[in-house]
Amino acid sequence: MPTAPLRPCGGSPSCRALVANGRCPACARKREQLRGSRHARGYDAAWVRLRAAFLANPDNRHCVWCAAEGRTTPTTEVDHVDPFTSYDDPRRLDRNNLQALCGLCHRRKTASQRTGRR
């Protein structure tokens, strides 16, 4: 089976590493360090409790994006419909601002927010 050609690392313009996809290990580590802890990003004990309660609700067991396309996929992610901007943002812990997504749909949504499309 042929393999895809290696591409330049997506971590920084100055990185010369070639990778199959994404970032080289050094750039991936650097990005993770800059990202901050989950607590620094607003995912504290209150979020952990809200997430657990959201997932425990039988209505949230399947990905809403997949369901809209006629598929049944288990929920693995609790997503903020409208991303919160700060720790004090009321959308951070608003149950009405949450949706159940599978991992693939969550990655797609996150990528589209970075590029401005869905």
Protein backbone atom coordinates (compact mmCIF):
# COMPACT_ATOMS: atom_id res chain seq x y z
CA MET A 1 0.00 0.00 0.00
CA PRO A 2 1.56 3.33 -1.01
CA THR A 3 2.19 5.93 1.64
CA ALA A 4 1.44 9.61 1.35
CA PRO A 5 4.42 11.88 0.77
CA LEU A 6 5.81 13.69 3.78
CA ARG A 7 4.88 17.34 4.16
CA PRO A 8 6.45 20.23 6.05
CA CYS A 9 5.52 20.45 9.73
CA GLY A 10 2.51 22.69 10.36
CA GLY A 11 3.89 23.92 13.68
CA SER A 12 5.86 26.95 12.57
CA PRO A 13 7.25 28.39 9.34
CA SER A 14 10.80 27.98 10.63
CA CYS A 15 10.45 24.24 11.39
CA ARG A 16 12.14 22.12 8.72
CA ALA A 17 10.77 18.73 9.84
CA LEU A 18 8.82 16.56 7.40
CA VAL A 19 5.76 14.75 8.75
CA ALA A 20 2.96 12.51 7.47
CA ASN A 21 0.42 15.01 8.85
CA GLY A 22 0.08 17.77 11.42
CA ARG A 23 3.08 18.81 13.49
CA CYS A 24 6.40 17.25 14.39
CA PRO A 25 6.73 16.06 18.02
CA ALA A 26 8.75 19.13 19.05
CA CYS A 27 6.21 21.60 17.62
CA ALA A 28 3.31 19.58 19.06
CA ARG A 29 4.88 19.75 22.56
CA LYS A 30 5.48 23.49 22.20
CA ARG A 31 1.87 24.10 21.12
CA GLU A 32 0.53 22.07 24.05
CA GLN A 33 2.65 24.09 26.50
CA LEU A 34 1.35 27.38 25.06
CA ARG A 35 -2.22 26.13 25.20
CA GLY A 36 -2.39 26.22 29.00
CA SER A 37 -3.94 23.80 31.44
CA ARG A 38 -7.60 22.86 31.24
CA HIS A 39 -8.19 24.98 34.34
CA ALA A 40 -6.52 27.99 32.72
CA ARG A 41 -8.81 27.53 29.69
CA GLY A 42 -11.96 27.52 31.87
CA TYR A 43 -12.55 23.80 32.36
CA ASP A 44 -12.58 23.60 36.16
CA ALA A 45 -14.51 21.46 38.67
CA ALA A 46 -17.76 23.30 37.85
CA TRP A 47 -17.30 22.37 34.18
CA VAL A 48 -16.50 18.74 35.06
CA ARG A 49 -19.75 18.50 37.05
CA LEU A 50 -21.82 20.18 34.32
CA ARG A 51 -20.29 17.94 31.64
CA ALA A 52 -21.03 14.79 33.67
CA ALA A 53 -24.64 15.86 34.25
CA PHE A 54 -25.06 16.72 30.56
CA LEU A 55 -23.74 13.33 29.46
CA ALA A 56 -25.93 11.52 32.02
CA ASN A 57 -29.07 12.91 30.38
CA PRO A 58 -30.46 10.25 27.96
CA ASP A 59 -31.32 13.00 25.46
CA ASN A 60 -27.60 13.70 25.01
CA ARG A 61 -26.37 10.18 24.21
CA HIS A 62 -26.05 10.74 20.46
CA CYS A 63 -24.25 13.32 18.33
CA VAL A 64 -26.71 16.01 17.21
CA TRP A 65 -24.80 16.74 13.99
CA CYS A 66 -24.79 13.06 12.97
CA ALA A 67 -28.48 12.78 13.89
CA ALA A 68 -29.25 15.72 11.57
CA GLU A 69 -27.69 13.65 8.76
CA GLY A 70 -29.59 10.48 9.69
CA ARG A 71 -26.76 8.70 11.52
CA THR A 72 -26.66 7.45 15.12
CA THR A 73 -23.25 8.08 16.69
CA PRO A 74 -22.48 8.01 20.43
CA THR A 75 -21.61 11.30 22.09
CA THR A 76 -18.01 11.64 23.20
CA GLU A 77 -17.74 15.43 23.45
CA VAL A 78 -19.75 18.18 25.13
CA ASP A 79 -19.41 21.25 22.93
CA HIS A 80 -20.17 24.92 23.51
CA VAL A 81 -22.49 25.99 20.68
CA ASP A 82 -21.19 29.55 21.04
CA PRO A 83 -17.61 29.45 22.35
CA PHE A 84 -17.03 31.28 25.60
CA THR A 85 -14.39 34.00 25.59
CA SER A 86 -13.35 34.21 29.24
CA TYR A 87 -13.67 32.43 32.55
CA ASP A 88 -16.38 34.92 33.59
CA ASP A 89 -18.39 34.50 30.37
CA PRO A 90 -21.89 33.27 31.33
CA ARG A 91 -21.93 30.98 28.25
CA ARG A 92 -19.20 28.85 29.85
CA LEU A 93 -21.60 27.04 32.22
CA ASP A 94 -24.90 27.63 30.40
CA ARG A 95 -26.62 24.26 29.73
CA ASN A 96 -28.50 25.87 26.83
CA ASN A 97 -25.16 26.61 25.16
CA LEU A 98 -24.09 22.95 25.10
CA GLN A 99 -24.52 20.28 22.45
CA ALA A 100 -23.66 16.60 22.25
CA LEU A 101 -21.12 15.76 19.53
CA CYS A 102 -19.04 12.77 18.50
CA GLY A 103 -15.27 13.26 18.27
CA LEU A 104 -15.26 13.64 14.49
CA CYS A 105 -17.99 16.30 14.44
CA HIS A 106 -16.31 18.15 17.32
CA ARG A 107 -13.00 18.23 15.43
CA ARG A 108 -14.81 19.45 12.31
CA LYS A 109 -16.55 22.21 14.26
CA THR A 110 -13.32 23.30 15.93
CA ALA A 111 -11.50 23.36 12.58
CA SER A 112 -14.30 25.35 10.94
CA GLN A 113 -14.24 27.92 13.75
CA ARG A 114 -10.54 28.43 13.13
CA THR A 115 -11.09 28.90 9.39
CA GLY A 116 -14.47 30.65 9.60
CA ARG A 117 -16.64 27.97 7.93
CA ARG A 118 -18.86 25.02 8.86
